[in-house]
Protein backbone atom coordinates (compact mmCIF):
# COMPACT_ATOMS: atom_id res chain seq x y z
CA MET A 1 -21.32 -22.12 5.37
CA THR A 2 -21.94 -18.63 6.76
CA ARG A 3 -19.73 -15.90 5.42
CA GLY A 4 -18.16 -13.57 7.98
CA GLN A 5 -18.64 -9.85 8.32
CA GLU A 6 -16.89 -7.86 5.59
CA ARG A 7 -15.21 -4.63 6.81
CA LEU A 8 -13.01 -1.95 5.31
CA PHE A 9 -10.18 -0.60 7.47
CA VAL A 10 -9.23 2.97 6.57
CA LEU A 11 -6.55 5.42 7.71
CA GLU A 12 -7.14 9.13 8.12
CA ALA A 13 -3.96 11.22 8.27
CA SER A 14 -5.74 14.38 9.46
CA SER A 15 -7.67 14.95 12.71
CA GLY A 16 -4.76 13.66 14.76
CA GLY A 17 -4.45 10.44 12.75
CA ARG A 18 -7.10 7.74 13.03
CA LEU A 19 -7.83 4.16 12.04
CA PHE A 20 -11.51 3.41 11.45
CA SER A 21 -13.60 0.66 9.91
CA VAL A 22 -16.81 0.69 7.89
CA ASN A 23 -19.08 -1.71 6.07
CA PRO A 24 -18.50 -2.00 2.30
CA ASP A 25 -21.45 0.35 1.70
CA GLY A 26 -19.90 3.02 3.96
CA SER A 27 -22.23 2.46 6.91
CA ASP A 28 -21.45 1.77 10.57
CA LYS A 29 -18.23 3.80 10.87
CA LYS A 30 -16.24 2.85 13.96
CA VAL A 31 -13.04 4.59 15.10
CA ILE A 32 -10.61 1.90 16.28
CA VAL A 33 -7.63 4.02 17.35
CA SER A 34 -6.63 7.70 17.21
CA GLY A 35 -3.42 9.62 17.81
CA CYS A 36 -1.52 8.03 14.89
CA ARG A 37 1.45 10.00 13.55
CA ILE A 38 0.41 10.48 9.90
CA PRO A 39 -0.73 6.91 9.24
CA ASP A 40 -0.37 5.69 5.66
CA GLY A 41 -0.47 1.91 5.13
CA VAL A 42 -2.78 -0.65 6.74
CA ALA A 43 -3.02 -4.46 6.69
CA VAL A 44 -5.20 -6.98 8.50
CA ASP A 45 -4.29 -10.45 9.81
CA VAL A 46 -7.73 -11.89 10.52
CA ALA A 47 -6.44 -15.23 11.81
CA ALA A 48 -4.38 -13.54 14.52
CA GLY A 49 -6.96 -10.81 15.11
CA HIS A 50 -4.61 -7.90 14.38
CA VAL A 51 -4.60 -4.70 12.34
CA TYR A 52 -1.20 -3.24 11.45
CA TRP A 53 -0.43 0.25 10.18
CA THR A 54 2.53 2.47 9.33
CA ASN A 55 3.13 5.94 10.78
CA MET A 56 5.08 8.25 8.48
CA GLY A 57 5.95 10.57 11.37
CA VAL A 58 7.80 13.75 10.32
CA PRO A 59 9.76 12.86 7.16
CA ALA A 60 12.64 15.23 7.93
CA GLU A 61 13.15 13.60 11.32
CA ASN A 62 13.52 9.91 10.33
CA ASP A 63 10.98 8.84 12.96
CA GLY A 64 8.61 6.46 11.19
CA SER A 65 7.12 3.48 13.02
CA ILE A 66 4.72 0.54 12.70
CA GLU A 67 1.95 -0.27 15.18
CA ARG A 68 -0.48 -3.12 15.78
CA VAL A 69 -3.86 -3.30 17.49
CA ASP A 70 -6.48 -5.97 18.08
CA LEU A 71 -9.52 -5.87 15.80
CA ASP A 72 -11.57 -4.28 18.58
CA GLY A 73 -8.96 -1.59 19.29
CA GLY A 74 -7.39 -3.27 22.31
CA ASP A 75 -3.73 -4.00 23.07
CA ARG A 76 -2.21 -1.25 20.92
CA THR A 77 1.48 -2.08 20.47
CA THR A 78 4.41 -0.46 18.64
CA ILE A 79 6.27 -3.25 16.85
CA VAL A 80 8.80 -1.19 14.82
CA PRO A 81 9.82 1.73 17.02
CA SER A 82 10.22 5.35 15.98
CA GLY A 83 13.28 5.56 13.74
CA GLY A 84 13.24 1.86 12.93
CA THR A 85 12.11 3.00 9.48
CA HIS A 86 12.22 6.48 7.96
CA THR A 87 8.92 7.24 6.22
CA PRO A 88 6.93 4.00 5.93
CA LYS A 89 4.17 4.05 3.33
CA GLN A 90 2.05 1.16 2.01
CA LEU A 91 2.04 -1.94 4.21
CA HIS A 92 1.55 -5.49 2.88
CA PHE A 93 0.79 -8.58 4.97
CA ASP A 94 2.11 -11.80 3.45
CA ALA A 95 -0.06 -14.52 4.97
CA VAL A 96 2.09 -17.26 3.43
CA GLY A 97 5.48 -16.12 4.69
CA ARG A 98 4.01 -14.47 7.83
CA LYS A 99 5.84 -11.21 7.17
CA LEU A 100 5.05 -7.50 6.85
CA TYR A 101 6.46 -5.59 3.87
CA TRP A 102 6.50 -1.84 3.35
CA GLY A 103 7.89 0.92 1.18
CA ASP A 104 10.10 3.45 3.01
CA ARG A 105 9.84 6.70 1.04
CA GLU A 106 12.63 9.00 2.24
CA GLY A 107 14.54 5.94 3.42
CA MET A 108 14.63 4.91 -0.27
CA ARG A 109 14.07 1.30 0.73
CA VAL A 110 11.74 -1.66 0.61
CA MET A 111 11.71 -3.41 4.00
CA ARG A 112 10.14 -6.31 5.85
CA CYS A 113 9.91 -7.78 9.33
CA ASP A 114 8.30 -10.58 11.31
CA LEU A 115 4.80 -9.96 12.64
CA ASP A 116 6.14 -9.02 16.07
CA GLY A 117 8.49 -6.43 14.55
CA SER A 118 11.63 -8.52 14.87
CA ASN A 119 14.06 -9.37 12.06
CA VAL A 120 13.75 -6.04 10.23
CA GLU A 121 15.40 -6.41 6.83
CA ILE A 122 16.21 -4.09 3.93
CA LEU A 123 15.41 -5.84 0.65
CA VAL A 124 15.91 -2.95 -1.80
CA GLN A 125 17.96 0.25 -1.35
CA THR A 126 17.57 2.81 -4.14
CA GLY A 127 19.81 5.56 -2.75
CA GLN A 128 21.95 6.80 0.11
CA GLY A 129 22.40 10.19 1.71
CA ALA A 130 20.78 13.61 1.52
CA ASP A 131 21.43 14.20 -2.19
CA ASP A 132 19.76 10.95 -3.22
CA GLN A 133 16.94 11.63 -0.79
CA ARG A 134 16.01 14.78 -2.72
CA ASP A 135 15.59 12.68 -5.88
CA GLU A 136 11.94 11.61 -5.71
CA THR A 137 12.44 8.98 -8.42
CA LYS A 138 14.21 6.98 -5.69
CA TRP A 139 11.25 7.16 -3.28
CA CYS A 140 9.73 3.70 -2.64
CA VAL A 141 6.01 3.90 -1.85
CA GLY A 142 3.79 0.95 -2.77
CA VAL A 143 4.60 -2.70 -2.13
CA ALA A 144 3.02 -6.10 -2.75
CA VAL A 145 4.21 -9.70 -2.63
CA ASP A 146 3.40 -12.62 -4.93
CA PRO A 147 4.39 -15.69 -2.87
CA ALA A 148 3.55 -18.27 -5.53
CA ALA A 149 5.93 -16.74 -8.08
CA GLY A 150 8.43 -15.60 -5.46
CA HIS A 151 8.25 -11.94 -6.45
CA LEU A 152 8.32 -8.63 -4.62
CA TYR A 153 6.74 -5.62 -6.39
CA TRP A 154 7.12 -1.96 -5.47
CA SER A 155 6.47 1.52 -6.85
CA GLN A 156 8.84 4.48 -7.05
CA LYS A 157 6.67 7.57 -7.21
CA GLY A 158 8.79 10.26 -8.85
CA PRO A 159 8.20 14.02 -8.52
CA SER A 160 4.70 15.48 -8.66
CA ASP A 161 3.25 15.59 -12.18
CA ALA A 162 6.60 14.62 -13.72
CA GLY A 163 5.58 11.33 -15.36
CA LEU A 164 8.68 9.61 -13.97
CA GLY A 165 7.00 6.98 -11.80
CA ARG A 166 7.97 3.31 -12.05
CA ILE A 167 6.78 -0.12 -10.91
CA LEU A 168 9.51 -2.68 -10.38
CA ARG A 169 9.85 -6.36 -9.47
CA ALA A 170 12.50 -8.57 -7.89
CA GLY A 171 12.76 -11.79 -5.93
CA ILE A 172 11.20 -11.89 -2.46
CA ASP A 173 14.56 -12.70 -0.91
CA LEU A 174 17.86 -10.94 -1.45
CA PRO A 175 20.05 -12.99 -3.85
CA ALA A 176 23.00 -14.68 -2.17
CA GLY A 177 26.10 -12.51 -2.13
CA GLN A 178 24.23 -9.36 -3.23
CA SER A 179 23.33 -6.21 -1.32
CA PRO A 180 20.00 -4.32 -1.26
CA ALA A 181 21.67 -1.51 -3.23
CA GLU A 182 23.16 -3.78 -5.89
CA ARG A 183 20.61 -6.45 -6.72
CA GLY A 184 20.94 -8.06 -10.12
CA ASP A 185 17.38 -9.38 -10.29
CA ILE A 186 15.42 -6.09 -10.48
CA GLU A 187 13.05 -5.68 -13.43
CA VAL A 188 11.38 -2.40 -14.40
CA LEU A 189 7.84 -3.38 -15.38
CA PHE A 190 6.48 0.11 -16.08
CA ASP A 191 8.10 3.51 -16.33
CA GLY A 192 6.85 6.93 -17.35
CA LEU A 193 3.87 6.57 -15.00
CA PRO A 194 2.23 9.66 -13.44
CA GLU A 195 2.85 8.92 -9.73
CA PRO A 196 2.24 5.24 -8.81
CA ILE A 197 1.26 4.80 -5.18
CA ASP A 198 -0.42 1.67 -3.75
CA LEU A 199 -0.23 -1.78 -5.38
CA GLU A 200 -2.63 -4.72 -5.08
CA PHE A 201 -2.96 -8.14 -6.73
CA ASP A 202 -5.79 -10.28 -8.01
CA LEU A 203 -3.66 -13.40 -7.77
CA ALA A 204 -6.34 -15.72 -9.16
CA GLU A 205 -6.42 -13.69 -12.37
CA ARG A 206 -2.68 -12.85 -12.18
CA THR A 207 -3.39 -9.12 -12.46
CA LEU A 208 -1.64 -6.15 -10.87
CA TYR A 209 -3.71 -3.09 -9.88
CA TRP A 210 -2.40 0.28 -8.69
CA THR A 211 -3.35 3.86 -7.93
CA ASP A 212 -1.66 6.87 -9.53
CA ARG A 213 -1.64 10.45 -8.36
CA GLY A 214 -0.72 13.24 -10.79
CA ASP A 215 -2.50 15.09 -13.55
CA PRO A 216 -5.29 13.69 -15.75
CA PRO A 217 -5.82 11.92 -18.03
CA ARG A 218 -3.36 9.28 -16.80
CA GLY A 219 -3.04 10.57 -13.24
CA ASN A 220 -5.46 10.29 -10.34
CA THR A 221 -6.52 6.90 -11.62
CA VAL A 222 -6.64 3.18 -10.90
CA SER A 223 -4.93 1.02 -13.52
CA ARG A 224 -4.24 -2.66 -14.04
CA ALA A 225 -2.00 -4.94 -16.12
CA PRO A 226 -1.25 -8.67 -16.42
CA MET A 227 1.49 -9.97 -14.14
CA ASP A 228 2.78 -12.71 -16.45
CA SER A 229 2.38 -11.45 -20.03
CA PRO A 230 4.80 -13.34 -22.31
CA ASP A 231 5.13 -10.22 -24.46
CA GLY A 232 6.11 -7.96 -21.58
CA PRO A 233 3.94 -5.76 -19.40
CA GLY A 234 2.32 -3.87 -22.28
CA THR A 235 0.15 -0.79 -21.82
CA PRO A 236 -1.73 -0.40 -18.54
CA GLU A 237 -5.52 -0.34 -18.68
CA ILE A 238 -6.96 2.70 -16.89
CA LEU A 239 -10.07 1.68 -14.96
CA VAL A 240 -11.04 4.57 -12.66
CA THR A 241 -10.47 8.29 -13.25
CA HIS A 242 -11.09 11.66 -11.58
CA LEU A 243 -9.77 10.75 -8.14
CA MET A 244 -8.73 13.64 -5.91
CA GLU A 245 -5.14 12.54 -5.17
CA GLY A 246 -5.77 8.80 -5.17
CA ILE A 247 -3.89 6.77 -2.56
CA GLY A 248 -5.28 3.58 -1.04
CA LEU A 249 -6.52 0.50 -2.89
CA ALA A 250 -8.14 -2.73 -1.67
CA LEU A 251 -9.54 -5.56 -3.79
CA ASP A 252 -12.33 -8.07 -3.26
CA PRO A 253 -11.61 -10.53 -6.09
CA ASP A 254 -14.25 -13.02 -4.93
CA ASP A 255 -17.08 -10.55 -5.43
CA GLY A 256 -15.36 -8.54 -8.15
CA HIS A 257 -15.04 -5.23 -6.31
CA MET A 258 -12.36 -2.64 -5.58
CA TYR A 259 -12.24 0.11 -2.95
CA VAL A 260 -10.20 3.30 -3.34
CA THR A 261 -9.39 6.26 -1.10
CA ASP A 262 -8.15 9.74 -1.91
CA LEU A 263 -6.69 12.65 0.04
CA ALA A 264 -9.91 14.64 -0.41
CA GLY A 265 -11.48 12.22 2.06
CA ASN A 266 -13.54 10.01 -0.24
CA ILE A 267 -13.95 6.24 -0.39
CA TYR A 268 -15.05 4.81 -3.75
CA ALA A 269 -16.33 1.38 -4.70
CA ALA A 270 -16.26 -0.03 -8.23
CA ASP A 271 -16.26 -3.32 -10.06
CA LEU A 272 -12.81 -4.70 -10.89
CA ASP A 273 -13.12 -3.43 -14.46
CA GLY A 274 -13.86 0.09 -13.16
CA SER A 275 -17.57 0.01 -13.94
CA ASN A 276 -20.33 0.90 -11.48
CA GLN A 277 -18.11 3.40 -9.68
CA LYS A 278 -19.78 5.11 -6.71
CA GLU A 279 -18.80 7.10 -3.65
CA ILE A 280 -19.58 5.27 -0.42
CA LEU A 281 -18.21 7.93 1.97
CA LEU A 282 -17.34 11.60 1.37
CA LEU A 283 -15.15 14.21 3.07
CA GLN A 284 -13.75 11.97 5.81
CA GLY A 285 -10.45 13.86 6.17
CA ASN A 286 -7.17 13.12 4.38
CA LEU A 287 -7.59 9.40 3.69
CA THR A 288 -4.57 7.23 2.92
CA GLY A 289 -4.45 3.43 3.24
CA ILE A 290 -7.37 1.01 3.01
CA ALA A 291 -7.61 -2.74 3.59
CA ARG A 292 -10.50 -5.19 3.31
CA ALA A 293 -11.08 -8.16 5.59
CA VAL A 294 -13.78 -10.74 6.28
CA LEU A 295 -14.12 -11.06 10.03
CA PRO A 296 -15.54 -14.07 11.87
CA VAL A 297 -19.10 -13.68 13.14
């Protein structure tokens, strides 16, 4: 059986905002769309032939949005209009439930919708109003879904270099009779983190990976931890260091690789244990989200 073409889809928040794709070795860069309003999170639905991304917009103006485009750049469509979400960050495509999930930073929410942008829901609400909005510990950034276990994971970044970041977990669906602001099923898996940003899973190995911004030695890193440890989450294992404001993370569990972006404009590849780290592209602008997909040939 012939394997398809592996591509990385990357967002650049500078230069007017662009979505581009490259081969896993950094070659054959192709700009798919431009004119994105500070794009941050990207996800690919290969079966439907779509790439989705979030636009943060101007955080003070509550004008975030989500767009979709065909794999070849055609049929660009806004599915969550400006103001339908405040400052959308990482985007997660749940292929099982056929939903999009995202963290809404200044909105202090975790949200989801159907793939056409309908049925927008708030699943978690960490604060309300301008005073809460100034509290960066309430800012929701990264998001990932574990359909088999029925769990939703997200990160709350915290202020820069404060060591107040957290990763939390709850059920995918809002418990009956409870509100997004008063859920009784929320677990704090990790706290005291530098600045956790994007989350990714190796579901076969039941392992959670994430990027952190912030100061070394624990910041500007990629870390991982077991998802189901009977003794609790334990101490994260730091895998990759010396990122320049690390943001995006994509995993290739089948071949044992990870791909990471940072705001300095670099894309890194490494093995899943952090070994064999190398730069595959340099100085590409302010890079944010990254996703990996195997496209049909």
